[in-house]
Amino acid sequence: MKLGFRYVLASSTLKTLGSCFVLAGLALGLIQPLAIFLVTERLALPKEYLQWLMMASGIAMMIGGGATVAVSKKAAAPAFAFARHGRKRRRDFPLRVVYPAVAHARRECD
């Protein structure tokens, strides 16, 4: 895990991407509780209608996730590299199958 964080922090692209995810998560976390005010005050509907708004949001997330999977299946898969290790068991066992750039970074760290 420590190696993964080190790798992300060493890459400016991954730092930017991670920052975007953090900011989007914070924004969504702040906006979601305001949905009740959208339903009750701006739409002038009873609070029970919030469930329909949340259902529509959930369905949209599932459709978006399905579309992402469909598009990613058509894209070229990344080339995997098997990092070579000695016979001794390492703590980072699940990271043995990694992207080539990670394998290169691991060789530099060892």
PDB file of N, CA and C in Angstrom:
ATOM      1  N   MET A   1       0.830  -1.181   0.000  1.00  0.00           N
ATOM      2  CA  MET A   1       0.000   0.000   0.000  1.00  0.00           C
ATOM      3  C   MET A   1       0.879   1.250   0.000  1.00  0.00           C
ATOM      4  N   LYS A   2       1.917   1.197   0.823  1.00  0.00           N
ATOM      5  CA  LYS A   2       2.832   2.324   0.912  1.00  0.00           C
ATOM      6  C   LYS A   2       3.496   2.584  -0.436  1.00  0.00           C
ATOM      7  N   LEU A   3       3.863   1.511  -1.119  1.00  0.00           N
ATOM      8  CA  LEU A   3       4.485   1.628  -2.430  1.00  0.00           C
ATOM      9  C   LEU A   3       3.514   2.235  -3.443  1.00  0.00           C
ATOM     10  N   GLY A   4       2.258   1.869  -3.343  1.00  0.00           N
ATOM     11  CA  GLY A   4       1.240   2.426  -4.237  1.00  0.00           C
ATOM     12  C   GLY A   4       1.077   3.920  -4.046  1.00  0.00           C
ATOM     13  N   PHE A   5       1.014   4.363  -2.787  1.00  0.00           N
ATOM     14  CA  PHE A   5       0.902   5.800  -2.523  1.00  0.00           C
ATOM     15  C   PHE A   5       2.157   6.523  -3.009  1.00  0.00           C
ATOM     16  N   ARG A   6       3.299   5.919  -2.819  1.00  0.00           N
ATOM     17  CA  ARG A   6       4.555   6.534  -3.276  1.00  0.00           C
ATOM     18  C   ARG A   6       4.544   6.692  -4.796  1.00  0.00           C
ATOM     19  N   TYR A   7       4.046   5.670  -5.476  1.00  0.00           N
ATOM     20  CA  TYR A   7       3.986   5.727  -6.937  1.00  0.00           C
ATOM     21  C   TYR A   7       3.033   6.828  -7.408  1.00  0.00           C
ATOM     22  N   VAL A   8       1.853   6.911  -6.768  1.00  0.00           N
ATOM     23  CA  VAL A   8       0.881   7.942  -7.154  1.00  0.00           C
ATOM     24  C   VAL A   8       1.437   9.329  -6.892  1.00  0.00           C
ATOM     25  N   LEU A   9       2.069   9.521  -5.752  1.00  0.00           N
ATOM     26  CA  LEU A   9       2.617  10.834  -5.424  1.00  0.00           C
ATOM     27  C   LEU A   9       3.801  11.211  -6.313  1.00  0.00           C
ATOM     28  N   ALA A  10       4.467  10.236  -6.907  1.00  0.00           N
ATOM     29  CA  ALA A  10       5.586  10.523  -7.797  1.00  0.00           C
ATOM     30  C   ALA A  10       5.120  10.935  -9.192  1.00  0.00           C
ATOM     31  N   SER A  11       3.889  10.626  -9.554  1.00  0.00           N
ATOM     32  CA  SER A  11       3.363  10.932 -10.881  1.00  0.00           C
ATOM     33  C   SER A  11       2.452  12.151 -10.824  1.00  0.00           C
ATOM     34  N   SER A  12       2.787  13.183 -11.575  1.00  0.00           N
ATOM     35  CA  SER A  12       1.963  14.398 -11.552  1.00  0.00           C
ATOM     36  C   SER A  12       0.576  14.141 -12.137  1.00  0.00           C
ATOM     37  N   THR A  13       0.492  13.257 -13.125  1.00  0.00           N
ATOM     38  CA  THR A  13      -0.808  12.940 -13.724  1.00  0.00           C
ATOM     39  C   THR A  13      -1.714  12.247 -12.717  1.00  0.00           C
ATOM     40  N   LEU A  14      -1.166  11.276 -11.991  1.00  0.00           N
ATOM     41  CA  LEU A  14      -1.981  10.565 -11.002  1.00  0.00           C
ATOM     42  C   LEU A  14      -2.330  11.447  -9.814  1.00  0.00           C
ATOM     43  N   LYS A  15      -1.438  12.362  -9.447  1.00  0.00           N
ATOM     44  CA  LYS A  15      -1.768  13.310  -8.373  1.00  0.00           C
ATOM     45  C   LYS A  15      -2.938  14.192  -8.782  1.00  0.00           C
ATOM     46  N   THR A  16      -2.912  14.664 -10.017  1.00  0.00           N
ATOM     47  CA  THR A  16      -4.006  15.507 -10.513  1.00  0.00           C
ATOM     48  C   THR A  16      -5.310  14.730 -10.557  1.00  0.00           C
ATOM     49  N   LEU A  17      -5.252  13.502 -11.050  1.00  0.00           N
ATOM     50  CA  LEU A  17      -6.444  12.667 -11.120  1.00  0.00           C
ATOM     51  C   LEU A  17      -6.994  12.375  -9.725  1.00  0.00           C
ATOM     52  N   GLY A  18      -6.115  12.048  -8.795  1.00  0.00           N
ATOM     53  CA  GLY A  18      -6.545  11.797  -7.419  1.00  0.00           C
ATOM     54  C   GLY A  18      -7.160  13.028  -6.779  1.00  0.00           C
ATOM     55  N   SER A  19      -6.577  14.195  -7.046  1.00  0.00           N
ATOM     56  CA  SER A  19      -7.133  15.442  -6.510  1.00  0.00           C
ATOM     57  C   SER A  19      -8.523  15.706  -7.062  1.00  0.00           C
ATOM     58  N   CYS A  20      -8.710  15.417  -8.347  1.00  0.00           N
ATOM     59  CA  CYS A  20     -10.040  15.594  -8.953  1.00  0.00           C
ATOM     60  C   CYS A  20     -11.065  14.681  -8.302  1.00  0.00           C
ATOM     61  N   PHE A  21     -10.678  13.425  -8.045  1.00  0.00           N
ATOM     62  CA  PHE A  21     -11.599  12.496  -7.381  1.00  0.00           C
ATOM     63  C   PHE A  21     -11.937  12.971  -5.968  1.00  0.00           C
ATOM     64  N   VAL A  22     -10.949  13.467  -5.244  1.00  0.00           N
ATOM     65  CA  VAL A  22     -11.199  13.948  -3.883  1.00  0.00           C
ATOM     66  C   VAL A  22     -12.142  15.141  -3.913  1.00  0.00           C
ATOM     67  N   LEU A  23     -11.884  16.097  -4.796  1.00  0.00           N
ATOM     68  CA  LEU A  23     -12.743  17.280  -4.882  1.00  0.00           C
ATOM     69  C   LEU A  23     -14.161  16.922  -5.333  1.00  0.00           C
ATOM     70  N   ALA A  24     -14.285  16.005  -6.293  1.00  0.00           N
ATOM     71  CA  ALA A  24     -15.615  15.584  -6.736  1.00  0.00           C
ATOM     72  C   ALA A  24     -16.367  14.881  -5.611  1.00  0.00           C
ATOM     73  N   GLY A  25     -15.670  14.045  -4.856  1.00  0.00           N
ATOM     74  CA  GLY A  25     -16.311  13.366  -3.728  1.00  0.00           C
ATOM     75  C   GLY A  25     -16.778  14.335  -2.658  1.00  0.00           C
ATOM     76  N   LEU A  26     -15.937  15.316  -2.347  1.00  0.00           N
ATOM     77  CA  LEU A  26     -16.339  16.328  -1.368  1.00  0.00           C
ATOM     78  C   LEU A  26     -17.530  17.143  -1.865  1.00  0.00           C
ATOM     79  N   ALA A  27     -17.499  17.516  -3.147  1.00  0.00           N
ATOM     80  CA  ALA A  27     -18.597  18.304  -3.707  1.00  0.00           C
ATOM     81  C   ALA A  27     -19.907  17.523  -3.674  1.00  0.00           C
ATOM     82  N   LEU A  28     -19.855  16.263  -4.070  1.00  0.00           N
ATOM     83  CA  LEU A  28     -21.070  15.450  -4.038  1.00  0.00           C
ATOM     84  C   LEU A  28     -21.565  15.231  -2.614  1.00  0.00           C
ATOM     85  N   GLY A  29     -20.637  15.068  -1.698  1.00  0.00           N
ATOM     86  CA  GLY A  29     -21.021  14.901  -0.299  1.00  0.00           C
ATOM     87  C   GLY A  29     -21.687  16.142   0.286  1.00  0.00           C
ATOM     88  N   LEU A  30     -21.276  17.308  -0.188  1.00  0.00           N
ATOM     89  CA  LEU A  30     -21.896  18.549   0.283  1.00  0.00           C
ATOM     90  C   LEU A  30     -23.225  18.827  -0.414  1.00  0.00           C
ATOM     91  N   ILE A  31     -23.345  18.430  -1.663  1.00  0.00           N
ATOM     92  CA  ILE A  31     -24.553  18.727  -2.440  1.00  0.00           C
ATOM     93  C   ILE A  31     -25.700  17.777  -2.128  1.00  0.00           C
ATOM     94  N   GLN A  32     -25.402  16.514  -1.878  1.00  0.00           N
ATOM     95  CA  GLN A  32     -26.461  15.516  -1.707  1.00  0.00           C
ATOM     96  C   GLN A  32     -27.450  15.860  -0.587  1.00  0.00           C
ATOM     97  N   PRO A  33     -27.008  16.318   0.585  1.00  0.00           N
ATOM     98  CA  PRO A  33     -27.997  16.667   1.618  1.00  0.00           C
ATOM     99  C   PRO A  33     -28.899  17.836   1.230  1.00  0.00           C
ATOM    100  N   LEU A  34     -28.489  18.627   0.262  1.00  0.00           N
ATOM    101  CA  LEU A  34     -29.316  19.753  -0.162  1.00  0.00           C
ATOM    102  C   LEU A  34     -30.466  19.327  -1.066  1.00  0.00           C
ATOM    103  N   ALA A  35     -30.509  18.060  -1.444  1.00  0.00           N
ATOM    104  CA  ALA A  35     -31.568  17.571  -2.329  1.00  0.00           C
ATOM    105  C   ALA A  35     -32.944  17.721  -1.685  1.00  0.00           C
ATOM    106  N   ILE A  36     -33.036  17.581  -0.378  1.00  0.00           N
ATOM    107  CA  ILE A  36     -34.332  17.724   0.291  1.00  0.00           C
ATOM    108  C   ILE A  36     -34.868  19.148   0.133  1.00  0.00           C
ATOM    109  N   PHE A  37     -33.967  20.131   0.147  1.00  0.00           N
ATOM    110  CA  PHE A  37     -34.403  21.517  -0.051  1.00  0.00           C
ATOM    111  C   PHE A  37     -34.812  21.758  -1.505  1.00  0.00           C
ATOM    112  N   LEU A  38     -34.166  21.090  -2.431  1.00  0.00           N
ATOM    113  CA  LEU A  38     -34.557  21.189  -3.832  1.00  0.00           C
ATOM    114  C   LEU A  38     -35.985  20.686  -4.015  1.00  0.00           C
ATOM    115  N   VAL A  39     -36.292  19.553  -3.400  1.00  0.00           N
ATOM    116  CA  VAL A  39     -37.620  18.963  -3.556  1.00  0.00           C
ATOM    117  C   VAL A  39     -38.678  19.788  -2.838  1.00  0.00           C
ATOM    118  N   THR A  40     -38.418  20.160  -1.591  1.00  0.00           N
ATOM    119  CA  THR A  40     -39.455  20.818  -0.795  1.00  0.00           C
ATOM    120  C   THR A  40     -39.640  22.295  -1.127  1.00  0.00           C
ATOM    121  N   GLU A  41     -38.565  23.028  -1.323  1.00  0.00           N
ATOM    122  CA  GLU A  41     -38.705  24.470  -1.507  1.00  0.00           C
ATOM    123  C   GLU A  41     -38.715  24.890  -2.967  1.00  0.00           C
ATOM    124  N   ARG A  42     -37.800  24.366  -3.781  1.00  0.00           N
ATOM    125  CA  ARG A  42     -37.728  24.825  -5.168  1.00  0.00           C
ATOM    126  C   ARG A  42     -38.784  24.154  -6.050  1.00  0.00           C
ATOM    127  N   LEU A  43     -39.048  22.873  -5.812  1.00  0.00           N
ATOM    128  CA  LEU A  43     -40.057  22.171  -6.605  1.00  0.00           C
ATOM    129  C   LEU A  43     -41.426  22.194  -5.945  1.00  0.00           C
ATOM    130  N   ALA A  44     -41.483  22.623  -4.701  1.00  0.00           N
ATOM    131  CA  ALA A  44     -42.738  22.720  -3.928  1.00  0.00           C
ATOM    132  C   ALA A  44     -43.476  21.381  -3.887  1.00  0.00           C
ATOM    133  N   LEU A  45     -42.713  20.321  -3.629  1.00  0.00           N
ATOM    134  CA  LEU A  45     -43.289  18.985  -3.517  1.00  0.00           C
ATOM    135  C   LEU A  45     -43.126  18.488  -2.080  1.00  0.00           C
ATOM    136  N   PRO A  46     -43.941  17.521  -1.673  1.00  0.00           N
ATOM    137  CA  PRO A  46     -43.744  16.946  -0.342  1.00  0.00           C
ATOM    138  C   PRO A  46     -42.397  16.227  -0.254  1.00  0.00           C
ATOM    139  N   LYS A  47     -41.882  16.101   0.976  1.00  0.00           N
ATOM    140  CA  LYS A  47     -40.554  15.497   1.163  1.00  0.00           C
ATOM    141  C   LYS A  47     -40.490  14.048   0.702  1.00  0.00           C
ATOM    142  N   GLU A  48     -41.616  13.373   0.580  1.00  0.00           N
ATOM    143  CA  GLU A  48     -41.633  11.989   0.137  1.00  0.00           C
ATOM    144  C   GLU A  48     -41.170  11.841  -1.319  1.00  0.00           C
ATOM    145  N   TYR A  49     -41.194  12.905  -2.086  1.00  0.00           N
ATOM    146  CA  TYR A  49     -40.770  12.845  -3.479  1.00  0.00           C
ATOM    147  C   TYR A  49     -39.253  12.752  -3.624  1.00  0.00           C
ATOM    148  N   LEU A  50     -38.539  12.951  -2.540  1.00  0.00           N
ATOM    149  CA  LEU A  50     -37.088  12.832  -2.579  1.00  0.00           C
ATOM    150  C   LEU A  50     -36.659  11.428  -3.021  1.00  0.00           C
ATOM    151  N   GLN A  51     -37.427  10.404  -2.620  1.00  0.00           N
ATOM    152  CA  GLN A  51     -37.072   9.035  -2.991  1.00  0.00           C
ATOM    153  C   GLN A  51     -37.070   8.857  -4.509  1.00  0.00           C
ATOM    154  N   TRP A  52     -37.952   9.545  -5.221  1.00  0.00           N
ATOM    155  CA  TRP A  52     -37.991   9.426  -6.679  1.00  0.00           C
ATOM    156  C   TRP A  52     -36.788  10.120  -7.314  1.00  0.00           C
ATOM    157  N   LEU A  53     -36.379  11.219  -6.736  1.00  0.00           N
ATOM    158  CA  LEU A  53     -35.190  11.915  -7.227  1.00  0.00           C
ATOM    159  C   LEU A  53     -33.947  11.055  -7.017  1.00  0.00           C
ATOM    160  N   MET A  54     -33.844  10.422  -5.847  1.00  0.00           N
ATOM    161  CA  MET A  54     -32.704   9.549  -5.560  1.00  0.00           C
ATOM    162  C   MET A  54     -32.728   8.297  -6.439  1.00  0.00           C
ATOM    163  N   MET A  55     -33.929   7.792  -6.734  1.00  0.00           N
ATOM    164  CA  MET A  55     -34.035   6.625  -7.609  1.00  0.00           C
ATOM    165  C   MET A  55     -33.555   6.980  -9.017  1.00  0.00           C
ATOM    166  N   ALA A  56     -33.952   8.127  -9.504  1.00  0.00           N
ATOM    167  CA  ALA A  56     -33.502   8.561 -10.830  1.00  0.00           C
ATOM    168  C   ALA A  56     -31.983   8.730 -10.853  1.00  0.00           C
ATOM    169  N   SER A  57     -31.428   9.257  -9.781  1.00  0.00           N
ATOM    170  CA  SER A  57     -29.985   9.419  -9.687  1.00  0.00           C
ATOM    171  C   SER A  57     -29.286   8.059  -9.684  1.00  0.00           C
ATOM    172  N   GLY A  58     -29.815   7.102  -8.959  1.00  0.00           N
ATOM    173  CA  GLY A  58     -29.238   5.757  -8.921  1.00  0.00           C
ATOM    174  C   GLY A  58     -29.302   5.057 -10.263  1.00  0.00           C
ATOM    175  N   ILE A  59     -30.416   5.203 -10.953  1.00  0.00           N
ATOM    176  CA  ILE A  59     -30.548   4.592 -12.277  1.00  0.00           C
ATOM    177  C   ILE A  59     -29.555   5.221 -13.243  1.00  0.00           C
ATOM    178  N   ALA A  60     -29.391   6.535 -13.168  1.00  0.00           N
ATOM    179  CA  ALA A  60     -28.427   7.220 -14.033  1.00  0.00           C
ATOM    180  C   ALA A  60     -27.001   6.750 -13.749  1.00  0.00           C
ATOM    181  N   MET A  61     -26.678   6.501 -12.474  1.00  0.00           N
ATOM    182  CA  MET A  61     -25.346   5.993 -12.140  1.00  0.00           C
ATOM    183  C   MET A  61     -25.132   4.604 -12.714  1.00  0.00           C
ATOM    184  N   MET A  62     -26.152   3.751 -12.651  1.00  0.00           N
ATOM    185  CA  MET A  62     -26.022   2.403 -13.208  1.00  0.00           C
ATOM    186  C   MET A  62     -25.864   2.447 -14.729  1.00  0.00           C
ATOM    187  N   ILE A  63     -26.619   3.306 -15.384  1.00  0.00           N
ATOM    188  CA  ILE A  63     -26.502   3.442 -16.840  1.00  0.00           C
ATOM    189  C   ILE A  63     -25.111   3.961 -17.200  1.00  0.00           C
ATOM    190  N   GLY A  64     -24.625   4.947 -16.454  1.00  0.00           N
ATOM    191  CA  GLY A  64     -23.289   5.481 -16.700  1.00  0.00           C
ATOM    192  C   GLY A  64     -22.207   4.437 -16.473  1.00  0.00           C
ATOM    193  N   GLY A  65     -22.349   3.645 -15.431  1.00  0.00           N
ATOM    194  CA  GLY A  65     -21.389   2.572 -15.170  1.00  0.00           C
ATOM    195  C   GLY A  65     -21.404   1.523 -16.265  1.00  0.00           C
ATOM    196  N   GLY A  66     -22.590   1.148 -16.733  1.00  0.00           N
ATOM    197  CA  GLY A  66     -22.700   0.185 -17.826  1.00  0.00           C
ATOM    198  C   GLY A  66     -22.094   0.718 -19.113  1.00  0.00           C
ATOM    199  N   ALA A  67     -22.326   2.000 -19.390  1.00  0.00           N
ATOM    200  CA  ALA A  67     -21.740   2.607 -20.590  1.00  0.00           C
ATOM    201  C   ALA A  67     -20.221   2.638 -20.492  1.00  0.00           C
ATOM    202  N   THR A  68     -19.710   2.917 -19.309  1.00  0.00           N
ATOM    203  CA  THR A  68     -18.260   2.928 -19.115  1.00  0.00           C
ATOM    204  C   THR A  68     -17.668   1.545 -19.347  1.00  0.00           C
ATOM    205  N   VAL A  69     -18.315   0.517 -18.831  1.00  0.00           N
ATOM    206  CA  VAL A  69     -17.839  -0.853 -19.039  1.00  0.00           C
ATOM    207  C   VAL A  69     -17.874  -1.203 -20.521  1.00  0.00           C
ATOM    208  N   ALA A  70     -18.951  -0.827 -21.214  1.00  0.00           N
ATOM    209  CA  ALA A  70     -19.069  -1.137 -22.640  1.00  0.00           C
ATOM    210  C   ALA A  70     -17.971  -0.452 -23.444  1.00  0.00           C
ATOM    211  N   VAL A  71     -17.687   0.800 -23.114  1.00  0.00           N
ATOM    212  CA  VAL A  71     -16.643   1.531 -23.840  1.00  0.00           C
ATOM    213  C   VAL A  71     -15.267   0.962 -23.503  1.00  0.00           C
ATOM    214  N   SER A  72     -15.047   0.609 -22.232  1.00  0.00           N
ATOM    215  CA  SER A  72     -13.733   0.108 -21.844  1.00  0.00           C
ATOM    216  C   SER A  72     -13.440  -1.259 -22.448  1.00  0.00           C
ATOM    217  N   LYS A  73     -14.457  -2.050 -22.727  1.00  0.00           N
ATOM    218  CA  LYS A  73     -14.233  -3.352 -23.357  1.00  0.00           C
ATOM    219  C   LYS A  73     -13.767  -3.183 -24.798  1.00  0.00           C
ATOM    220  N   LYS A  74     -14.172  -2.090 -25.441  1.00  0.00           N
ATOM    221  CA  LYS A  74     -13.768  -1.854 -26.819  1.00  0.00           C
ATOM    222  C   LYS A  74     -12.377  -1.241 -26.900  1.00  0.00           C
ATOM    223  N   ALA A  75     -11.916  -0.632 -25.812  1.00  0.00           N
ATOM    224  CA  ALA A  75     -10.589  -0.014 -25.803  1.00  0.00           C
ATOM    225  C   ALA A  75      -9.528  -1.093 -25.660  1.00  0.00           C
ATOM    226  N   ALA A  76      -8.320  -0.772 -26.083  1.00  0.00           N
ATOM    227  CA  ALA A  76      -7.221  -1.729 -25.979  1.00  0.00           C
ATOM    228  C   ALA A  76      -6.852  -1.942 -24.516  1.00  0.00           C
ATOM    229  N   ALA A  77      -6.659  -3.176 -24.151  1.00  0.00           N
ATOM    230  CA  ALA A  77      -6.281  -3.502 -22.771  1.00  0.00           C
ATOM    231  C   ALA A  77      -4.817  -3.141 -22.554  1.00  0.00           C
ATOM    232  N   PRO A  78      -4.467  -2.669 -21.353  1.00  0.00           N
ATOM    233  CA  PRO A  78      -3.059  -2.347 -21.089  1.00  0.00           C
ATOM    234  C   PRO A  78      -2.219  -3.625 -21.037  1.00  0.00           C
ATOM    235  N   ALA A  79      -0.994  -3.485 -21.409  1.00  0.00           N
ATOM    236  CA  ALA A  79      -0.078  -4.639 -21.365  1.00  0.00           C
ATOM    237  C   ALA A  79       0.339  -4.865 -19.924  1.00  0.00           C
ATOM    238  N   PHE A  80       0.176  -6.072 -19.454  1.00  0.00           N
ATOM    239  CA  PHE A  80       0.567  -6.398 -18.091  1.00  0.00           C
ATOM    240  C   PHE A  80       1.974  -6.969 -18.088  1.00  0.00           C
ATOM    241  N   ALA A  81       2.692  -6.653 -17.058  1.00  0.00           N
ATOM    242  CA  ALA A  81       4.036  -7.205 -16.896  1.00  0.00           C
ATOM    243  C   ALA A  81       4.059  -7.962 -15.580  1.00  0.00           C
ATOM    244  N   PHE A  82       4.722  -9.077 -15.567  1.00  0.00           N
ATOM    245  CA  PHE A  82       4.865  -9.835 -14.339  1.00  0.00           C
ATOM    246  C   PHE A  82       6.185  -9.455 -13.708  1.00  0.00           C
ATOM    247  N   ALA A  83       6.100  -8.825 -12.572  1.00  0.00           N
ATOM    248  CA  ALA A  83       7.321  -8.419 -11.870  1.00  0.00           C
ATOM    249  C   ALA A  83       8.014  -9.674 -11.369  1.00  0.00           C
ATOM    250  N   ARG A  84       9.312  -9.734 -11.549  1.00  0.00           N
ATOM    251  CA  ARG A  84      10.066 -10.906 -11.124  1.00  0.00           C
ATOM    252  C   ARG A  84      10.530 -10.729  -9.692  1.00  0.00           C
ATOM    253  N   HIS A  85      10.302 -11.756  -8.924  1.00  0.00           N
ATOM    254  CA  HIS A  85      10.702 -11.745  -7.514  1.00  0.00           C
ATOM    255  C   HIS A  85      11.445 -13.039  -7.224  1.00  0.00           C
ATOM    256  N   GLY A  86      12.224 -12.984  -6.180  1.00  0.00           N
ATOM    257  CA  GLY A  86      12.884 -14.196  -5.727  1.00  0.00           C
ATOM    258  C   GLY A  86      11.872 -15.122  -5.090  1.00  0.00           C
ATOM    259  N   ARG A  87      12.366 -16.182  -4.477  1.00  0.00           N
ATOM    260  CA  ARG A  87      11.457 -17.138  -3.858  1.00  0.00           C
ATOM    261  C   ARG A  87      10.902 -16.658  -2.523  1.00  0.00           C
ATOM    262  N   LYS A  88      11.541 -15.666  -1.923  1.00  0.00           N
ATOM    263  CA  LYS A  88      11.025 -15.233  -0.622  1.00  0.00           C
ATOM    264  C   LYS A  88       9.697 -14.494  -0.798  1.00  0.00           C
ATOM    265  N   ARG A  89       8.802 -14.709   0.124  1.00  0.00           N
ATOM    266  CA  ARG A  89       7.469 -14.113   0.064  1.00  0.00           C
ATOM    267  C   ARG A  89       7.550 -12.665   0.527  1.00  0.00           C
ATOM    268  N   ARG A  90       6.934 -11.793  -0.240  1.00  0.00           N
ATOM    269  CA  ARG A  90       6.944 -10.374   0.097  1.00  0.00           C
ATOM    270  C   ARG A  90       5.574  -9.956   0.608  1.00  0.00           C
ATOM    271  N   ARG A  91       5.556  -8.840   1.341  1.00  0.00           N
ATOM    272  CA  ARG A  91       4.289  -8.348   1.881  1.00  0.00           C
ATOM    273  C   ARG A  91       3.383  -7.799   0.786  1.00  0.00           C
ATOM    274  N   ASP A  92       3.943  -7.355  -0.316  1.00  0.00           N
ATOM    275  CA  ASP A  92       3.139  -6.772  -1.384  1.00  0.00           C
ATOM    276  C   ASP A  92       2.763  -7.809  -2.441  1.00  0.00           C
ATOM    277  N   PHE A  93       2.445  -9.021  -2.011  1.00  0.00           N
ATOM    278  CA  PHE A  93       2.143 -10.130  -2.914  1.00  0.00           C
ATOM    279  C   PHE A  93       1.088  -9.788  -3.969  1.00  0.00           C
ATOM    280  N   PRO A  94      -0.045  -9.109  -3.640  1.00  0.00           N
ATOM    281  CA  PRO A  94      -1.045  -8.836  -4.677  1.00  0.00           C
ATOM    282  C   PRO A  94      -0.541  -7.914  -5.780  1.00  0.00           C
ATOM    283  N   LEU A  95       0.561  -7.220  -5.571  1.00  0.00           N
ATOM    284  CA  LEU A  95       1.058  -6.292  -6.572  1.00  0.00           C
ATOM    285  C   LEU A  95       1.995  -6.945  -7.578  1.00  0.00           C
ATOM    286  N   ARG A  96       2.055  -8.269  -7.605  1.00  0.00           N
ATOM    287  CA  ARG A  96       2.989  -8.936  -8.525  1.00  0.00           C
ATOM    288  C   ARG A  96       2.600  -8.740  -9.986  1.00  0.00           C
ATOM    289  N   VAL A  97       1.308  -8.618 -10.259  1.00  0.00           N
ATOM    290  CA  VAL A  97       0.880  -8.332 -11.629  1.00  0.00           C
ATOM    291  C   VAL A  97       0.589  -6.842 -11.669  1.00  0.00           C
ATOM    292  N   VAL A  98       1.444  -6.107 -12.362  1.00  0.00           N
ATOM    293  CA  VAL A  98       1.345  -4.652 -12.346  1.00  0.00           C
ATOM    294  C   VAL A  98       1.516  -4.105 -13.751  1.00  0.00           C
ATOM    295  N   TYR A  99       1.194  -2.835 -13.889  1.00  0.00           N
ATOM    296  CA  TYR A  99       1.447  -2.164 -15.161  1.00  0.00           C
ATOM    297  C   TYR A  99       2.950  -2.020 -15.347  1.00  0.00           C
ATOM    298  N   PRO A 100       3.419  -1.943 -16.576  1.00  0.00           N
ATOM    299  CA  PRO A 100       4.864  -1.845 -16.812  1.00  0.00           C
ATOM    300  C   PRO A 100       5.530  -0.692 -16.075  1.00  0.00           C
ATOM    301  N   ALA A 101       4.872   0.459 -15.997  1.00  0.00           N
ATOM    302  CA  ALA A 101       5.477   1.610 -15.318  1.00  0.00           C
ATOM    303  C   ALA A 101       5.653   1.332 -13.832  1.00  0.00           C
ATOM    304  N   VAL A 102       4.696   0.629 -13.239  1.00  0.00           N
ATOM    305  CA  VAL A 102       4.808   0.294 -11.817  1.00  0.00           C
ATOM    306  C   VAL A 102       5.938  -0.705 -11.610  1.00  0.00           C
ATOM    307  N   ALA A 103       6.061  -1.662 -12.520  1.00  0.00           N
ATOM    308  CA  ALA A 103       7.142  -2.638 -12.409  1.00  0.00           C
ATOM    309  C   ALA A 103       8.486  -1.940 -12.487  1.00  0.00           C
ATOM    310  N   HIS A 104       8.610  -0.954 -13.360  1.00  0.00           N
ATOM    311  CA  HIS A 104       9.852  -0.195 -13.482  1.00  0.00           C
ATOM    312  C   HIS A 104      10.129   0.584 -12.192  1.00  0.00           C
ATOM    313  N   ALA A 105       9.087   1.203 -11.633  1.00  0.00           N
ATOM    314  CA  ALA A 105       9.263   1.958 -10.389  1.00  0.00           C
ATOM    315  C   ALA A 105       9.665   1.033  -9.227  1.00  0.00           C
ATOM    316  N   ARG A 106       9.133  -0.180  -9.232  1.00  0.00           N
ATOM    317  CA  ARG A 106       9.461  -1.128  -8.167  1.00  0.00           C
ATOM    318  C   ARG A 106      10.913  -1.556  -8.274  1.00  0.00           C
ATOM    319  N   ARG A 107      11.401  -1.741  -9.498  1.00  0.00           N
ATOM    320  CA  ARG A 107      12.789  -2.118  -9.657  1.00  0.00           C
ATOM    321  C   ARG A 107      13.722  -1.013  -9.159  1.00  0.00           C
ATOM    322  N   GLU A 108      13.307   0.248  -9.347  1.00  0.00           N
ATOM    323  CA  GLU A 108      14.114   1.360  -8.870  1.00  0.00           C
ATOM    324  C   GLU A 108      14.109   1.438  -7.351  1.00  0.00           C
ATOM    325  N   CYS A 109      12.989   1.057  -6.720  1.00  0.00           N
ATOM    326  CA  CYS A 109      12.871   1.119  -5.259  1.00  0.00           C
ATOM    327  C   CYS A 109      13.655  -0.004  -4.583  1.00  0.00           C
ATOM    328  N   ASP A 110      13.748  -1.162  -5.248  1.00  0.00           N
ATOM    329  CA  ASP A 110      14.422  -2.324  -4.631  1.00  0.00           C
ATOM    330  C   ASP A 110      15.889  -2.191  -4.588  1.00  0.00           C
TER     331      ASP A 110
END
